[in-house]
Amino acid sequence: MTNLLSLISRGLDQIQRTFFPDLEREAGPISKTLVQLTYVLETVHSQKIPLPEQCWTGRPPKSRRGIFNVFVAKAFMTSS
């Protein structure tokens, strides 16, 4: 468990040092809620969730990751 926490901590530290300063330079100030949402989405790692090889009905497998991210973002935004 300690290894997992240190891995998450390193990843979030890297995001904070590189991503946010560049984004703020381009887009202006970022709200605290959006910064926290970025941490949540980075922690969830939706890109590593295995997708079925073939889907019989519904959306194509690749678009399901985007839908998953939207559900996580909506849940986070309504809870904060």
Protein backbone atom coordinates (compact mmCIF):
# COMPACT_ATOMS: atom_id res chain seq x y z
CA MET A 1 0.00 0.00 0.00
CA THR A 2 2.88 2.37 0.75
CA ASN A 3 4.31 1.83 -2.74
CA LEU A 4 0.97 2.69 -4.30
CA LEU A 5 0.68 5.90 -2.28
CA SER A 6 4.21 6.98 -3.18
CA LEU A 7 3.52 6.26 -6.86
CA ILE A 8 0.35 8.37 -6.75
CA SER A 9 2.17 11.12 -4.90
CA ARG A 10 4.98 11.23 -7.48
CA GLY A 11 2.50 11.36 -10.35
CA LEU A 12 0.51 14.19 -8.79
CA ASP A 13 3.69 16.10 -8.01
CA GLN A 14 4.77 15.84 -11.63
CA ILE A 15 1.39 17.12 -12.83
CA GLN A 16 1.56 20.03 -10.41
CA ARG A 17 5.07 21.03 -11.49
CA THR A 18 4.62 20.75 -15.27
CA PHE A 19 1.00 20.78 -16.39
CA PHE A 20 -0.62 23.54 -14.34
CA PRO A 21 1.97 26.31 -14.88
CA ASP A 22 1.81 25.78 -18.65
CA LEU A 23 -1.99 25.69 -18.64
CA GLU A 24 -2.25 28.84 -16.51
CA ARG A 25 0.09 30.66 -18.87
CA GLU A 26 -2.11 29.76 -21.83
CA ALA A 27 -5.62 29.88 -20.33
CA GLY A 28 -5.36 32.07 -17.24
CA PRO A 29 -6.16 31.20 -13.61
CA ILE A 30 -7.49 27.71 -12.86
CA SER A 31 -10.06 27.15 -10.11
CA LYS A 32 -9.22 24.92 -7.16
CA THR A 33 -12.10 22.58 -8.08
CA LEU A 34 -10.70 21.97 -11.57
CA VAL A 35 -7.25 21.27 -10.13
CA GLN A 36 -8.77 18.72 -7.75
CA LEU A 37 -10.75 17.17 -10.61
CA THR A 38 -7.52 16.74 -12.56
CA TYR A 39 -5.99 14.91 -9.59
CA VAL A 40 -9.03 12.62 -9.38
CA LEU A 41 -8.98 11.78 -13.09
CA GLU A 42 -5.23 11.15 -13.00
CA THR A 43 -5.64 8.86 -9.98
CA VAL A 44 -8.44 6.85 -11.61
CA HIS A 45 -6.38 6.15 -14.77
CA SER A 46 -9.31 5.46 -17.07
CA GLN A 47 -6.87 4.71 -19.90
CA LYS A 48 -5.73 1.58 -18.06
CA ILE A 49 -9.21 0.10 -17.62
CA PRO A 50 -9.48 -2.93 -19.90
CA LEU A 51 -12.10 -2.66 -22.60
CA PRO A 52 -13.95 -5.54 -24.22
CA GLU A 53 -12.57 -6.56 -27.60
CA GLN A 54 -15.98 -6.54 -29.20
CA CYS A 55 -19.10 -4.65 -28.18
CA TRP A 56 -22.37 -5.90 -29.58
CA THR A 57 -24.46 -2.84 -28.79
CA GLY A 58 -23.82 0.68 -27.64
CA ARG A 59 -20.82 2.90 -28.08
CA PRO A 60 -17.50 1.76 -29.58
CA PRO A 61 -14.98 0.66 -26.93
CA LYS A 62 -12.67 3.68 -27.26
CA SER A 63 -15.44 6.22 -26.72
CA ARG A 64 -16.40 4.45 -23.47
CA ARG A 65 -13.27 5.82 -21.79
CA GLY A 66 -14.41 9.36 -22.51
CA ILE A 67 -17.87 8.57 -21.18
CA PHE A 68 -16.30 7.08 -18.04
CA ASN A 69 -14.27 10.28 -17.51
CA VAL A 70 -17.43 12.37 -17.89
CA PHE A 71 -19.26 10.27 -15.27
CA VAL A 72 -16.34 10.65 -12.85
CA ALA A 73 -16.16 14.40 -13.49
CA LYS A 74 -19.90 14.85 -13.04
CA ALA A 75 -19.90 12.87 -9.78
CA PHE A 76 -16.95 14.90 -8.50
CA MET A 77 -18.39 18.26 -9.50
CA THR A 78 -21.78 17.56 -7.94
CA SER A 79 -20.21 16.31 -4.70
CA SER A 80 -17.95 19.34 -4.22
